[in-house]
Structure formats: structure tokens, C-alpha cells
Amino acid sequence: MSYSSYFSDLACQYIDGEWRAGTGSWDIVDFNPYDGEKLTSITVAGADEVDQAYRAAERAQRVWGGTNPYTRRLVFERAIRVIEEREKELAEAIIAECGGTAVKAAFELHLSREFLREAIHLALRAEGRILPSPDDTKENRLYRVPVGVVGVVSPFNFPFLLSLKPVAAALALGNAVVLKPHQNTPVCGGTLVAKVLEEAGLPGGVLNVVVTDIAEIGDALIEHPVPKVISFTGSDKTGRHVATVAARHFKRTVLELGGNSALVVLDDADVDYAVDAAVFSRFIHQGQACMAANRLLVHRSLVAEFTEKFVARVKALRVGDPADPATEVGPLINGSQAESITAIVDQAVAEGATALLRGRTMGTLVEPSVLTDLPANATALRQEIFGPVALIIPFDEEDEAVRIANDTPFGLSGSVHTADTERGVRFAKRVDAGMFHVNDGTIHDEPIVPFGGEKHSGVGRLNGDAMVEAFTSCKWISIQHGRSRFPF
């Protein structure tokens, strides 16, 4: 099967086990971000179809939630095999729709399989407890039960992975799901996920995919009475809106939002290794990663050496067609994003930054830029830069590095490089981030380790036991084996 068939066969909604056209008032046109080729167009789902998807999920969940977890886990075992058998065309689809390089596509599919393997184990991890009571004749049981239906909203940057990750976990724990992918990646982030799980034997209605947009449905996806939890991955601005609407309707949220990670190079670091980590951490998927190292904080004694080696490495990065295996930096997701990144560089230079490397913008291709000498009040220092722009910031003392690392509204990821591991751990503890790595890059995601951020980077955690917390509820059932005494 050619990857192009995904864009012809899956250009629709997936509701109650049926592939159907949307009935909304306009079409999402899906373009290849590199060459502008039209991949497909999808008529959006309307509010009625969102309701149909949630009602189908509600019906299907009653059976799915009562299915033996050993049976549920078979779906994820088969889904791994489907991905392995289709890896070539899946990678080609990711490259075509996301503009991701071959390295990025392989990374995304590898992690997708790992999270499916974790889903197999999650199916058996909704463990209950028996707690003591002050009444000798009473027994307290705590049950972990599915929340019911989960709404998942996924982003464009790693769409297959970041849709499959919460979807598989929620399903494994006995929930049904309605998934809304980003409008720039409706196939890889939506209908392709449904197709893989359908082929793996997931019953109809348990997973539903609605390709739509707030312009068509407003807040119907969040306000609908059926879903009890909303899992959202995306920008902090949209995340704030999701949280506000969900709170009004007493829904729980798991929010995985933006970042402004710092990669810190202390005075005893291995400079060559730190450069390797920084290049990958900043430019993987053109910098379109929430954990990307926006800011490179380098001790002043090493900054000249680091800067020379880093700029040389960045200059040598191959920019171009992501379908070419030699390409290391492909296109941004759309022209608007390319213009936004160009404007950030222009503004930083206007505010006094020095451009050690200033890349050209050619449509959606944006060559890397490296800036330094940024004034303390520079806008770029405190915002998420979702593109190939690196900021080098010298510091003199470790306390200063901690202060700079924390001087941002975000707190997702980061890393520190040092010859002294425990010094690195002490440094990591002082940074207000949900994840921090010693002598490594800033971009990591592992199936059993809690993933999430502080401050504007999100609320809650995913992965491992955190998935159980996110997608189940704790139910207390007490049993009176004797007779209670009532005061009246």
C-alpha cells in the first residue's frame, strides 16, 4: 500500500465504527508543507457530529469498560504489529503531512510502539486497595474505575505519537475516546490512528475521530456533557482557554503545553558533547518541539569555544526536502509559522541582539539562526520559539544560571552539562521545570516516567502511573459486615 492512499481513503470522519463524510460548512485542505502539494481535503465535522461521536463513545464504553483487561490488551499487541508491518508508508505519511525528516519520523514511530507496549501493561494497572476502618465490622474497598469518555485534542508537531499516547492509555484503562487532531495534521494525528487501531481489532465506537475546528463547532468538544476528562496538547494560549471552559463544566483536564527550555553548560562541562546535545535539542523537527532548547546558557569561560563549535555545526545542517534522507532541517508546518519565526529574529535583532547566523526564509523553509548578546528585556528570552532559532546566553556564576533558567513563564524541560553528576542534580533541583536532564539533551519521553511541566507548561502528568491517575477515578465502596448504630 502506498502512503498516498492514506490521504485518499482516510479523508473523513470516523464515528461509531463508520467512515463518513463531514457535514460542516467548509473543508480543511491538507497540504504538504514542503512543496505545497494538496494531500487531501476533508469536510469538517459539525456540532451534531461531535454529539454523535460522544454518544457513540458513551454507548461503546459500557461494554468496553466491562471487557476483561487481558482481552483489551490484545488490541495494543496487534497495533504494534500493524505499525511494524506498515512502518515504511507510515513514515512517508509523517514526512509528507508534517514536514518531518526521516530521522524525526523514525523517532516518532519508535516511541509510538513503546507507548503501545506500555498500554498493554496499563490495562492491568487499575489496582484497588482495602483500607482499615475504625469500625471493626466494616470493610473499605477502593476501586479504580474508568472515568468513562475522554476527549483528546492533539498537536501538529508529533501528531501520530501525541494522539496515540493518551488515546491508547485511556482505552487500555477501559475508557472510550473522542479524538480531535490538529487541522494541519488531520490524517497522521487522527484518522490514521483510528485506522491502525481498527485493524488491530478495536470495537467500533470505542474510538471516534472528528476532524473539525473551533470556527465550526465553538467549544462543543469541551462543553459536551459526556466527556469527563479533556487531554489537550498544544499552546499555552489555547490550553488556558481549554482549562477555563472545562472548569466551568466541572471537567478534569490534563494539559501538556509549551516550553522555553534551557540547556545549561557549566564551567566543567565537556564542550564537544554539550554542542552535540544542543544542536539536536534545538533543531530536531526544525525546533517545533515543546521541549526544544530555546536558550543555551554557557559559562563565560567556555562561551567562546562553545559558540564557535556550535555555529559551525549549525551552518553545516542540511536544510531542504524532508523526503531526502540527508535532510536534517525541513519545513515549518505552514507559511504563517515561518513568518512568525522570521519576525521573532527580526525583533530580537532590532532590540539589540547579535546574529551570529541569520538564516533565510524561503516559503516554509527557514534556515537556522543563532543569536547572542540579547538584552535582558528581550522578548525572545521569555517566549516559546517554535522554530530553528537558538539563543546563546553567557553567565558567570551558577546562581546566575539558575536565575536565568527560571526567568520564563514556562517550566517544561531542560538540561545541564557538568563533569560532576551530583552538581548537575543539585542544579536540576533548583530549576522550576517538570523535567530536567543531567548530561543529556532536553528532549526525552519515556513510557513509564511522569511527563509534564510547571507554570504555563501545563497541568497534570502523563505516562506510567500518571496515566492511571489521569484516566481513572477512585471509587470507595464500604461493606458493613455487622450492623451500624444510628443516632436517630
Protein backbone atom coordinates (compact mmCIF):
# COMPACT_ATOMS: atom_id res chain seq x y z
CA MET A 1 0.00 0.00 0.00
CA SER A 2 1.30 3.47 -0.89
CA TYR A 3 1.28 6.14 1.81
CA SER A 4 -0.74 8.35 -0.57
CA SER A 5 -3.71 6.04 -0.14
CA TYR A 6 -3.96 7.16 3.48
CA PHE A 7 -4.78 10.67 2.30
CA SER A 8 -7.46 9.46 -0.12
CA ASP A 9 -9.00 6.68 1.96
CA LEU A 10 -8.91 8.36 5.39
CA ALA A 11 -10.06 11.87 4.45
CA CYS A 12 -13.24 11.68 6.51
CA GLN A 13 -14.69 11.37 9.98
CA TYR A 14 -14.64 8.13 11.98
CA ILE A 15 -17.75 7.87 14.14
CA ASP A 16 -19.31 4.77 15.73
CA GLY A 17 -17.09 2.48 13.68
CA GLU A 18 -18.08 4.09 10.37
CA TRP A 19 -16.02 6.16 7.95
CA ARG A 20 -18.21 9.03 6.81
CA ALA A 21 -18.03 12.47 5.26
CA GLY A 22 -18.40 15.51 7.48
CA THR A 23 -21.40 17.80 7.15
CA GLY A 24 -19.77 21.06 8.21
CA SER A 25 -19.78 24.23 6.19
CA TRP A 26 -16.19 24.17 4.88
CA ASP A 27 -13.24 21.92 4.05
CA ILE A 28 -9.88 21.56 5.73
CA VAL A 29 -7.32 21.37 2.92
CA ASP A 30 -4.31 19.27 3.92
CA PHE A 31 -1.07 20.42 2.27
CA ASN A 32 2.45 19.06 2.18
CA PRO A 33 4.30 21.87 4.00
CA TYR A 34 7.44 21.47 1.90
CA ASP A 35 6.14 21.71 -1.65
CA GLY A 36 2.56 22.88 -1.12
CA GLU A 37 1.10 19.77 -2.78
CA LYS A 38 -2.52 19.18 -1.83
CA LEU A 39 -2.64 15.87 0.02
CA THR A 40 -6.40 15.80 0.58
CA SER A 41 -9.37 17.83 1.73
CA ILE A 42 -11.80 16.91 4.49
CA THR A 43 -15.22 18.41 5.10
CA VAL A 44 -15.23 19.33 8.77
CA ALA A 45 -17.48 17.76 11.36
CA GLY A 46 -20.27 19.90 12.73
CA ALA A 47 -21.53 20.13 16.30
CA ASP A 48 -24.10 17.41 15.59
CA GLU A 49 -21.33 15.00 14.61
CA VAL A 50 -19.38 15.86 17.74
CA ASP A 51 -22.51 14.89 19.68
CA GLN A 52 -22.85 11.68 17.66
CA ALA A 53 -19.20 10.82 18.36
CA TYR A 54 -19.56 11.35 22.10
CA ARG A 55 -22.85 9.44 22.27
CA ALA A 56 -21.30 6.55 20.36
CA ALA A 57 -18.34 6.56 22.74
CA GLU A 58 -20.68 6.60 25.72
CA ARG A 59 -22.57 3.55 24.43
CA ALA A 60 -19.45 1.63 23.45
CA GLN A 61 -17.68 2.34 26.73
CA ARG A 62 -20.26 0.42 28.75
CA VAL A 63 -19.19 -2.79 27.01
CA TRP A 64 -15.50 -1.92 26.55
CA GLY A 65 -15.10 -0.87 30.19
CA GLY A 66 -16.52 -4.24 31.29
CA THR A 67 -14.24 -6.20 28.98
CA ASN A 68 -11.58 -8.25 30.71
CA PRO A 69 -8.36 -6.18 30.68
CA TYR A 70 -6.43 -9.19 29.40
CA THR A 71 -8.71 -9.05 26.35
CA ARG A 72 -8.36 -5.27 25.96
CA ARG A 73 -4.58 -5.51 25.88
CA LEU A 74 -4.67 -7.77 22.81
CA VAL A 75 -5.70 -4.76 20.71
CA PHE A 76 -2.45 -2.96 21.55
CA GLU A 77 -0.35 -6.05 20.87
CA ARG A 78 -1.88 -6.24 17.40
CA ALA A 79 -1.49 -2.46 16.86
CA ILE A 80 2.26 -2.79 17.37
CA ARG A 81 2.36 -5.40 14.63
CA VAL A 82 0.32 -3.17 12.31
CA ILE A 83 2.82 -0.32 12.77
CA GLU A 84 5.76 -2.65 12.23
CA GLU A 85 4.23 -4.04 9.03
CA ARG A 86 3.37 -0.56 7.71
CA GLU A 87 6.38 1.34 9.01
CA LYS A 88 7.64 2.49 5.61
CA GLU A 89 4.36 4.03 4.45
CA LEU A 90 3.59 5.42 7.91
CA ALA A 91 6.96 7.19 7.91
CA GLU A 92 6.29 8.53 4.41
CA ALA A 93 2.92 9.87 5.55
CA ILE A 94 4.50 11.67 8.52
CA ILE A 95 7.14 13.18 6.25
CA ALA A 96 4.53 14.32 3.73
CA GLU A 97 1.98 15.79 6.14
CA CYS A 98 4.23 17.12 8.92
CA GLY A 99 7.37 18.08 7.01
CA GLY A 100 9.29 15.85 9.40
CA THR A 101 12.62 14.40 8.35
CA ALA A 102 13.29 10.68 8.10
CA VAL A 103 15.04 10.81 11.49
CA LYS A 104 12.03 12.51 13.06
CA ALA A 105 9.57 10.04 11.51
CA ALA A 106 11.58 7.05 12.75
CA PHE A 107 11.81 8.61 16.24
CA GLU A 108 8.05 9.20 16.30
CA LEU A 109 7.15 5.68 15.21
CA HIS A 110 9.62 4.11 17.63
CA LEU A 111 8.10 5.98 20.56
CA SER A 112 4.59 5.16 19.34
CA ARG A 113 5.37 1.46 19.58
CA GLU A 114 6.87 1.94 23.04
CA PHE A 115 3.73 3.67 24.29
CA LEU A 116 1.58 0.87 22.87
CA ARG A 117 3.74 -1.61 24.80
CA GLU A 118 3.10 0.44 27.93
CA ALA A 119 -0.65 0.42 27.17
CA ILE A 120 -0.51 -3.37 27.31
CA HIS A 121 0.71 -3.09 30.91
CA LEU A 122 -1.61 -0.19 31.78
CA ALA A 123 -4.61 -2.38 31.09
CA LEU A 124 -3.66 -4.34 34.24
CA ARG A 125 -2.66 -1.42 36.46
CA ALA A 126 -6.01 -0.05 37.65
CA GLU A 127 -5.39 -1.59 41.06
CA GLY A 128 -7.71 -1.27 44.02
CA ARG A 129 -6.96 -1.14 47.77
CA ILE A 130 -8.52 -2.26 51.02
CA LEU A 131 -8.28 0.34 53.80
CA PRO A 132 -8.91 -0.11 57.53
CA SER A 133 -11.92 1.36 59.31
CA PRO A 134 -12.40 2.47 62.92
CA ASP A 135 -15.45 0.21 62.88
CA ASP A 136 -14.32 -3.41 63.41
CA THR A 137 -17.21 -4.78 61.35
CA LYS A 138 -16.70 -2.51 58.35
CA GLU A 139 -14.60 -3.08 55.24
CA ASN A 140 -13.41 -0.23 52.96
CA ARG A 141 -12.63 -1.03 49.36
CA LEU A 142 -11.16 1.46 46.89
CA TYR A 143 -11.72 0.68 43.24
CA ARG A 144 -10.00 2.28 40.25
CA VAL A 145 -12.69 2.70 37.60
CA PRO A 146 -12.60 4.25 34.12
CA VAL A 147 -13.74 7.87 34.00
CA GLY A 148 -15.94 6.91 31.05
CA VAL A 149 -15.26 9.01 27.97
CA VAL A 150 -12.13 11.09 27.37
CA GLY A 151 -11.78 13.94 24.88
CA VAL A 152 -8.31 14.18 23.33
CA VAL A 153 -7.04 17.21 21.38
CA SER A 154 -3.64 16.65 19.76
CA PRO A 155 -1.00 18.95 18.17
CA PHE A 156 0.64 19.08 14.75
CA ASN A 157 4.30 18.57 15.59
CA PHE A 158 4.37 14.86 16.55
CA PRO A 159 0.76 14.09 15.64
CA PHE A 160 0.77 10.30 15.41
CA LEU A 161 2.67 9.87 18.68
CA LEU A 162 0.92 12.61 20.66
CA SER A 163 -2.50 11.33 19.62
CA LEU A 164 -1.75 7.66 20.16
CA LYS A 165 -0.10 8.19 23.55
CA PRO A 166 -3.16 9.47 25.51
CA VAL A 167 -5.64 7.58 23.32
CA ALA A 168 -4.00 4.18 23.93
CA ALA A 169 -3.66 4.81 27.66
CA ALA A 170 -7.27 5.91 28.06
CA LEU A 171 -8.51 2.92 26.04
CA ALA A 172 -6.31 0.47 27.95
CA LEU A 173 -7.87 1.64 31.21
CA GLY A 174 -11.37 0.94 29.94
CA ASN A 175 -12.43 4.34 28.61
CA ALA A 176 -13.78 5.34 25.22
CA VAL A 177 -12.27 8.33 23.39
CA VAL A 178 -13.21 11.12 21.02
CA LEU A 179 -10.08 12.45 19.31
CA LYS A 180 -9.78 15.80 17.53
CA PRO A 181 -6.49 16.15 15.64
CA HIS A 182 -4.89 19.46 14.68
CA GLN A 183 -6.26 20.83 11.41
CA ASN A 184 -2.74 20.82 9.88
CA THR A 185 -2.33 17.08 10.51
CA PRO A 186 -5.82 15.55 10.33
CA VAL A 187 -4.65 12.21 8.92
CA CYS A 188 -1.45 11.40 10.83
CA GLY A 189 -2.90 12.84 14.03
CA GLY A 190 -6.41 11.48 13.65
CA THR A 191 -7.83 9.11 11.09
CA LEU A 192 -4.59 7.15 10.67
CA VAL A 193 -4.56 6.43 14.42
CA ALA A 194 -8.13 5.18 14.14
CA LYS A 195 -7.25 3.01 11.14
CA VAL A 196 -4.35 1.33 12.94
CA LEU A 197 -6.49 0.56 15.99
CA GLU A 198 -9.44 -0.56 13.84
CA GLU A 199 -7.17 -3.03 12.04
CA ALA A 200 -5.93 -4.17 15.45
CA GLY A 201 -9.48 -5.14 16.41
CA LEU A 202 -10.73 -2.19 18.48
CA PRO A 203 -14.54 -2.37 18.50
CA GLY A 204 -16.47 0.36 16.69
CA GLY A 205 -17.46 3.38 18.76
CA VAL A 206 -14.72 2.95 21.35
CA LEU A 207 -12.53 5.44 19.46
CA ASN A 208 -14.10 8.21 17.37
CA VAL A 209 -12.24 10.86 15.36
CA VAL A 210 -13.75 14.23 14.49
CA VAL A 211 -11.80 16.43 12.10
CA THR A 212 -13.06 19.94 12.77
CA ASP A 213 -12.18 23.33 14.19
CA ILE A 214 -13.42 25.79 16.80
CA ALA A 215 -14.57 28.03 13.93
CA GLU A 216 -17.17 25.36 13.10
CA ILE A 217 -18.11 23.87 16.47
CA GLY A 218 -17.13 26.51 19.03
CA ASP A 219 -16.45 24.85 22.38
CA ALA A 220 -18.74 21.87 21.76
CA LEU A 221 -15.87 19.39 22.12
CA ILE A 222 -15.15 20.59 25.67
CA GLU A 223 -18.62 21.61 26.84
CA HIS A 224 -20.36 18.40 25.80
CA PRO A 225 -21.80 16.62 28.88
CA VAL A 226 -20.38 13.17 28.06
CA PRO A 227 -16.57 13.53 28.43
CA LYS A 228 -15.27 13.63 31.99
CA VAL A 229 -11.62 14.36 31.16
CA ILE A 230 -10.10 16.53 28.44
CA SER A 231 -6.49 15.79 27.43
CA PHE A 232 -5.01 18.68 25.46
CA THR A 233 -1.54 19.11 23.98
CA GLY A 234 -0.73 22.43 22.36
CA SER A 235 -0.01 26.09 23.05
CA ASP A 236 -0.36 27.71 26.45
CA LYS A 237 -2.82 30.25 25.00
CA THR A 238 -5.23 27.58 23.77
CA GLY A 239 -4.58 25.48 26.87
CA ARG A 240 -5.72 28.36 29.08
CA HIS A 241 -8.98 28.51 27.12
CA VAL A 242 -9.48 24.73 27.35
CA ALA A 243 -8.88 24.83 31.11
CA THR A 244 -11.30 27.71 31.61
CA VAL A 245 -14.13 26.12 29.65
CA ALA A 246 -13.56 22.69 31.21
CA ALA A 247 -13.57 24.15 34.74
CA ARG A 248 -16.93 25.80 34.11
CA HIS A 249 -18.32 22.35 33.37
CA PHE A 250 -16.51 20.57 36.23
CA LYS A 251 -14.30 18.51 33.93
CA ARG A 252 -10.79 17.38 34.72
CA THR A 253 -8.00 18.40 32.37
CA VAL A 254 -4.55 17.14 31.53
CA LEU A 255 -2.69 19.97 29.79
CA GLU A 256 0.65 19.46 28.07
CA LEU A 257 1.62 22.93 26.88
CA GLY A 258 4.58 24.95 25.63
CA GLY A 259 8.11 25.34 26.87
CA ASN A 260 11.17 27.56 26.85
CA SER A 261 13.79 25.05 27.90
CA ALA A 262 17.31 25.98 28.93
CA LEU A 263 20.33 23.81 28.14
CA VAL A 264 22.98 24.87 30.65
CA VAL A 265 26.73 24.35 30.18
CA LEU A 266 28.63 24.68 33.48
CA ASP A 267 32.32 25.55 33.68
CA ASP A 268 33.47 21.90 33.95
CA ALA A 269 31.39 20.55 31.04
CA ASP A 270 32.57 18.54 28.04
CA VAL A 271 32.10 21.25 25.40
CA ASP A 272 32.01 18.96 22.36
CA TYR A 273 29.38 16.75 23.93
CA ALA A 274 27.35 19.77 25.06
CA VAL A 275 27.42 21.10 21.48
CA ASP A 276 26.11 17.75 20.18
CA ALA A 277 23.27 17.82 22.72
CA ALA A 278 22.45 21.45 21.97
CA VAL A 279 22.28 21.01 18.18
CA PHE A 280 19.88 18.08 18.50
CA SER A 281 17.84 19.67 21.29
CA ARG A 282 17.34 22.88 19.35
CA PHE A 283 16.88 21.70 15.76
CA ILE A 284 15.05 18.37 15.91
CA HIS A 285 11.94 18.80 13.74
CA GLN A 286 13.03 22.36 12.91
CA GLY A 287 12.65 23.34 16.57
CA GLN A 288 8.93 22.54 16.53
CA ALA A 289 9.05 20.68 19.84
CA CYS A 290 7.78 21.83 23.21
CA MET A 291 10.93 20.51 24.92
CA ALA A 292 13.35 22.11 22.44
CA ALA A 293 16.28 24.02 23.94
CA ASN A 294 15.39 27.62 23.12
CA ARG A 295 18.09 29.05 25.39
CA LEU A 296 21.69 27.86 25.60
CA LEU A 297 23.22 29.11 28.84
CA VAL A 298 27.02 28.80 28.73
CA HIS A 299 29.59 29.66 31.41
CA ARG A 300 31.64 32.64 30.28
CA SER A 301 34.89 30.66 30.48
CA LEU A 302 33.55 28.27 27.81
CA VAL A 303 31.29 30.52 25.76
CA ALA A 304 33.84 31.37 23.04
CA GLU A 305 34.72 27.72 22.39
CA PHE A 306 31.11 26.57 22.61
CA THR A 307 29.86 29.31 20.31
CA GLU A 308 32.49 28.67 17.64
CA LYS A 309 31.78 24.93 17.55
CA PHE A 310 28.03 25.31 17.80
CA VAL A 311 27.76 27.86 14.97
CA ALA A 312 29.98 25.69 12.75
CA ARG A 313 27.75 22.67 13.38
CA VAL A 314 24.57 24.64 12.74
CA LYS A 315 25.94 26.10 9.50
CA ALA A 316 26.53 22.58 8.24
CA LEU A 317 22.96 21.37 8.87
CA ARG A 318 21.26 20.33 5.62
CA VAL A 319 18.07 22.30 5.00
CA GLY A 320 15.60 21.13 2.39
CA ASP A 321 13.23 18.41 1.28
CA PRO A 322 12.30 16.20 4.25
CA ALA A 323 11.80 13.27 1.89
CA ASP A 324 15.55 13.34 1.22
CA PRO A 325 17.19 11.10 3.85
CA ALA A 326 20.13 13.53 4.06
CA THR A 327 17.93 16.46 5.14
CA GLU A 328 18.28 17.48 8.78
CA VAL A 329 16.08 20.59 8.83
CA GLY A 330 12.86 20.51 6.85
CA PRO A 331 9.98 22.99 6.51
CA LEU A 332 7.88 24.54 9.21
CA ILE A 333 4.27 23.41 9.29
CA ASN A 334 2.92 26.37 7.29
CA GLY A 335 3.77 29.80 5.92
CA SER A 336 2.27 31.60 8.90
CA GLN A 337 4.62 29.80 11.27
CA ALA A 338 7.60 30.63 9.03
CA GLU A 339 6.64 34.30 9.04
CA SER A 340 6.27 34.23 12.83
CA ILE A 341 9.77 32.82 13.32
CA THR A 342 11.24 35.37 10.90
CA ALA A 343 9.53 38.15 12.85
CA ILE A 344 10.97 36.86 16.15
CA VAL A 345 14.51 37.02 14.73
CA ASP A 346 13.92 40.48 13.25
CA GLN A 347 12.56 41.78 16.54
CA ALA A 348 15.44 40.32 18.57
CA VAL A 349 18.00 41.98 16.29
CA ALA A 350 16.08 45.26 16.47
CA GLU A 351 16.19 45.01 20.27
CA GLY A 352 19.99 44.69 20.20
CA ALA A 353 20.79 41.00 19.68
CA THR A 354 23.75 39.97 17.53
CA ALA A 355 23.03 37.47 14.78
CA LEU A 356 25.96 35.06 14.58
CA LEU A 357 23.98 33.21 11.94
CA ARG A 358 20.86 34.59 10.29
CA GLY A 359 19.02 32.11 8.15
CA ARG A 360 16.92 32.94 5.14
CA THR A 361 13.20 32.27 4.90
CA MET A 362 12.14 30.61 1.66
CA GLY A 363 8.45 29.82 1.84
CA THR A 364 8.08 27.34 4.68
CA LEU A 365 11.82 26.60 4.77
CA VAL A 366 13.54 28.65 7.48
CA GLU A 367 17.29 28.28 7.77
CA PRO A 368 18.69 28.20 11.32
CA SER A 369 19.57 31.41 13.14
CA VAL A 370 21.89 31.78 16.14
CA LEU A 371 21.58 34.93 18.26
CA THR A 372 23.62 36.24 21.17
CA ASP A 373 24.11 39.50 23.13
CA LEU A 374 20.39 39.65 23.81
CA PRO A 375 19.44 42.46 26.21
CA ALA A 376 17.94 41.30 29.50
CA ASN A 377 14.50 42.54 28.48
CA ALA A 378 14.50 40.90 25.03
CA THR A 379 11.11 39.42 24.15
CA ALA A 380 12.67 36.27 22.68
CA LEU A 381 14.15 35.24 26.02
CA ARG A 382 10.78 34.57 27.65
CA GLN A 383 8.70 33.14 24.82
CA GLU A 384 8.47 29.75 23.21
CA ILE A 385 10.22 29.81 19.83
CA PHE A 386 8.67 27.07 17.73
CA GLY A 387 11.30 27.13 15.01
CA PRO A 388 15.04 26.89 14.21
CA VAL A 389 16.37 29.78 16.32
CA ALA A 390 18.95 29.33 19.09
CA LEU A 391 19.81 31.92 21.75
CA ILE A 392 23.28 31.79 23.36
CA ILE A 393 23.42 33.43 26.79
CA PRO A 394 26.66 33.67 28.80
CA PHE A 395 26.67 33.58 32.61
CA ASP A 396 29.34 34.00 35.28
CA GLU A 397 28.06 32.18 38.35
CA GLU A 398 25.90 29.13 38.87
CA ASP A 399 23.30 31.14 40.81
CA GLU A 400 23.01 33.45 37.81
CA ALA A 401 22.40 30.47 35.52
CA VAL A 402 19.59 29.24 37.79
CA ARG A 403 18.02 32.70 37.81
CA ILE A 404 18.15 32.96 34.01
CA ALA A 405 16.80 29.43 33.54
CA ASN A 406 13.84 30.27 35.79
CA ASP A 407 13.20 33.69 34.20
CA THR A 408 10.37 32.47 31.97
CA PRO A 409 6.67 31.79 32.41
CA PHE A 410 7.29 28.21 31.23
CA GLY A 411 8.70 25.22 33.08
CA LEU A 412 8.68 22.10 30.95
CA SER A 413 12.14 20.65 30.35
CA GLY A 414 15.83 21.47 30.43
CA SER A 415 19.29 20.01 30.87
CA VAL A 416 22.62 20.77 32.48
CA HIS A 417 26.12 19.65 31.45
CA THR A 418 28.85 19.16 34.03
CA ALA A 419 31.67 16.77 34.90
CA ASP A 420 30.18 16.39 38.39
CA THR A 421 26.94 14.40 38.18
CA GLU A 422 25.72 15.33 41.66
CA ARG A 423 26.44 19.00 40.97
CA GLY A 424 24.17 18.61 37.98
CA VAL A 425 21.45 17.03 40.12
CA ARG A 426 21.69 19.89 42.64
CA PHE A 427 21.38 22.37 39.77
CA ALA A 428 18.40 20.49 38.28
CA LYS A 429 16.53 20.61 41.61
CA ARG A 430 16.73 24.41 41.61
CA VAL A 431 15.10 24.88 38.21
CA ASP A 432 11.31 25.22 38.13
CA ALA A 433 10.63 22.59 35.48
CA GLY A 434 8.71 19.34 35.44
CA MET A 435 11.61 17.51 33.78
CA PHE A 436 15.35 18.15 33.82
CA HIS A 437 18.22 16.05 32.48
CA VAL A 438 21.86 15.83 33.56
CA ASN A 439 24.44 15.48 30.77
CA ASP A 440 21.90 14.94 28.03
CA GLY A 441 19.59 16.79 25.68
CA THR A 442 16.31 18.46 26.64
CA ILE A 443 14.05 16.22 24.53
CA HIS A 444 13.03 12.97 26.19
CA ASP A 445 9.84 11.00 26.62
CA GLU A 446 9.71 7.55 28.22
CA PRO A 447 6.54 5.48 28.69
CA ILE A 448 6.76 4.92 32.46
CA VAL A 449 8.23 8.27 33.60
CA PRO A 450 5.79 11.11 34.51
CA PHE A 451 5.78 13.69 31.71
CA GLY A 452 4.60 17.25 32.23
CA GLY A 453 5.52 20.77 33.19
CA GLU A 454 5.18 23.53 35.75
CA LYS A 455 3.90 27.11 35.44
CA HIS A 456 2.47 27.82 31.96
CA SER A 457 3.78 24.49 30.66
CA GLY A 458 0.76 22.60 31.84
CA VAL A 459 -1.30 20.86 34.49
CA GLY A 460 -1.03 17.20 35.40
CA ARG A 461 1.20 14.44 34.11
CA LEU A 462 1.06 11.66 31.55
CA ASN A 463 2.92 8.30 31.24
CA GLY A 464 3.11 5.32 33.56
CA ASP A 465 1.15 5.54 36.79
CA ALA A 466 0.24 9.14 35.94
CA MET A 467 -1.96 7.75 33.16
CA VAL A 468 -3.91 5.79 35.77
CA GLU A 469 -4.41 8.99 37.77
CA ALA A 470 -5.43 10.92 34.66
CA PHE A 471 -7.91 8.47 33.14
CA THR A 472 -9.50 6.66 36.09
CA SER A 473 -11.48 7.68 39.16
CA CYS A 474 -11.16 6.34 42.67
CA LYS A 475 -14.41 4.85 43.99
CA TRP A 476 -14.98 3.99 47.66
CA ILE A 477 -17.28 1.09 48.41
CA SER A 478 -17.77 0.19 52.06
CA ILE A 479 -19.28 -3.03 53.35
CA GLN A 480 -20.87 -3.26 56.78
CA HIS A 481 -20.49 -6.89 57.86
CA GLY A 482 -22.24 -6.20 61.18
CA ARG A 483 -24.92 -3.64 61.97
CA SER A 484 -24.38 0.12 62.21
CA ARG A 485 -25.79 2.08 65.14
CA PHE A 486 -27.59 5.24 64.03
CA PRO A 487 -28.12 8.24 66.38
CA PHE A 488 -31.79 8.60 65.40
